């Protein structure tokens, strides 16, 4: 035990060894900080992505509901068109359903 203590005291007295130990500790802390920051960023971006996906799904549900109330039960082609629409296209359909005279016009089959 005394040999280990003596070795530790000798190393602690050596300025080069202490500097290397300090640099290593600093590098490890920086690495841990980077990992934590990247993890937080990944979690935040996952939340944003989840919110966007949730919003799009909500738009799909609303469009299906509005189309059904306005034009009756949707044929499979209309349901597929809504299911595969992009977020931008869903917004166009949601606006069109307010003034369209038919299901085909609401889903802009001739556009």
Protein backbone atom coordinates (compact mmCIF):
# COMPACT_ATOMS: atom_id res chain seq x y z
CA UNK A 1 0.00 0.00 0.00
CA UNK A 2 2.86 2.35 0.79
CA UNK A 3 4.38 1.68 -2.65
CA UNK A 4 1.14 2.70 -4.33
CA UNK A 5 0.96 5.83 -2.18
CA UNK A 6 4.56 6.72 -3.01
CA UNK A 7 3.94 6.21 -6.76
CA UNK A 8 0.84 8.42 -6.61
CA UNK A 9 2.75 11.14 -4.76
CA UNK A 10 5.56 10.99 -7.33
CA UNK A 11 3.12 11.26 -10.22
CA UNK A 12 1.26 14.12 -8.55
CA UNK A 13 4.51 16.02 -8.14
CA UNK A 14 5.37 15.70 -11.85
CA UNK A 15 4.00 18.77 -13.70
CA UNK A 16 3.90 16.97 -17.08
CA UNK A 17 1.90 14.05 -15.67
CA UNK A 18 -0.52 16.43 -13.90
CA UNK A 19 -0.98 18.44 -17.12
CA UNK A 20 -1.69 15.26 -19.12
CA UNK A 21 -4.17 14.10 -16.48
CA UNK A 22 -5.89 17.50 -16.53
CA UNK A 23 -6.09 17.51 -20.35
CA UNK A 24 -7.50 13.98 -20.36
CA UNK A 25 -10.11 14.89 -17.75
CA UNK A 26 -11.04 18.02 -19.71
CA UNK A 27 -11.36 16.03 -22.93
CA UNK A 28 -13.57 13.42 -21.22
CA UNK A 29 -15.83 16.13 -19.80
CA UNK A 30 -16.09 17.80 -23.22
CA UNK A 31 -16.97 14.47 -24.82
CA UNK A 32 -19.67 13.82 -22.21
CA UNK A 33 -21.05 17.32 -22.75
CA UNK A 34 -21.16 16.78 -26.51
CA UNK A 35 -22.94 13.45 -26.11
CA UNK A 36 -25.51 15.02 -23.77
CA UNK A 37 -26.08 17.94 -26.15
CA UNK A 38 -26.50 15.62 -29.16
CA UNK A 39 -28.89 13.41 -27.20
CA UNK A 40 -31.00 16.44 -26.22
CA UNK A 41 -30.99 17.67 -29.82
CA UNK A 42 -32.07 14.26 -31.07
CA UNK A 43 -34.87 14.06 -28.53
CA UNK A 44 -36.05 17.56 -29.43
CA UNK A 45 -36.03 16.83 -33.15
CA UNK A 46 -37.96 13.63 -32.50
CA UNK A 47 -40.60 15.62 -30.65
CA UNK A 48 -40.86 18.10 -33.50
CA UNK A 49 -41.16 15.30 -36.03
CA UNK A 50 -43.82 13.64 -33.90
CA UNK A 51 -45.77 16.87 -33.68
CA UNK A 52 -45.64 17.37 -37.45
CA UNK A 53 -46.77 13.80 -38.07
CA UNK A 54 -49.55 14.24 -35.52
CA UNK A 55 -50.69 17.44 -37.21
CA UNK A 56 -50.78 15.78 -40.63
CA UNK A 57 -52.72 12.82 -39.23
CA UNK A 58 -55.19 15.24 -37.65
CA UNK A 59 -55.64 16.99 -41.00
CA UNK A 60 -56.32 13.62 -42.66
CA UNK A 61 -58.94 12.74 -40.07
CA UNK A 62 -60.60 16.15 -40.40
CA UNK A 63 -60.64 15.96 -44.19
CA UNK A 64 -62.13 12.46 -44.14
CA UNK A 65 -64.79 13.67 -41.71
CA UNK A 66 -65.66 16.76 -43.76
CA UNK A 67 -65.76 14.86 -47.04
CA UNK A 68 -67.98 12.17 -45.53
CA UNK A 69 -70.39 14.70 -44.04
CA UNK A 70 -70.56 16.65 -47.28
CA UNK A 71 -70.59 13.87 -49.90
CA UNK A 72 -71.47 10.68 -48.01
CA UNK A 73 -69.40 7.56 -47.51
CA UNK A 74 -66.08 7.83 -49.33
CA UNK A 75 -65.24 5.39 -52.12
CA UNK A 76 -61.92 3.59 -51.79
CA UNK A 77 -60.20 5.78 -54.40
CA UNK A 78 -61.03 8.92 -52.39
CA UNK A 79 -59.85 7.39 -49.11
CA UNK A 80 -56.59 6.35 -50.78
CA UNK A 81 -56.09 9.82 -52.22
CA UNK A 82 -56.47 11.35 -48.77
CA UNK A 83 -54.24 8.71 -47.12
CA UNK A 84 -51.40 9.36 -49.58
CA UNK A 85 -51.68 13.15 -49.72
CA UNK A 86 -48.79 15.32 -48.57
CA UNK A 87 -49.25 17.92 -45.84
CA UNK A 88 -49.43 20.65 -48.48
CA UNK A 89 -52.00 18.75 -50.54
CA UNK A 90 -54.14 18.11 -47.46
CA UNK A 91 -54.33 21.87 -46.88
CA UNK A 92 -55.45 22.39 -50.47
CA UNK A 93 -58.13 19.69 -50.09
CA UNK A 94 -59.30 21.15 -46.77
CA UNK A 95 -59.82 24.52 -48.46
CA UNK A 96 -61.46 22.98 -51.53
CA UNK A 97 -64.00 20.94 -49.56
CA UNK A 98 -65.67 24.18 -48.47
CA UNK A 99 -66.68 25.22 -51.97
CA UNK A 100 -66.48 22.08 -54.10
CA UNK A 101 -69.67 20.89 -55.79
CA UNK A 102 -68.56 17.25 -55.85
CA UNK A 103 -66.15 14.83 -54.26
CA UNK A 104 -64.12 14.80 -57.46
CA UNK A 105 -63.85 18.58 -57.41
CA UNK A 106 -62.89 18.62 -53.72
CA UNK A 107 -60.05 16.18 -54.40
CA UNK A 108 -59.20 18.01 -57.61
CA UNK A 109 -59.20 15.02 -59.90
CA UNK A 110 -59.02 17.26 -62.97
CA UNK A 111 -56.25 19.50 -61.61
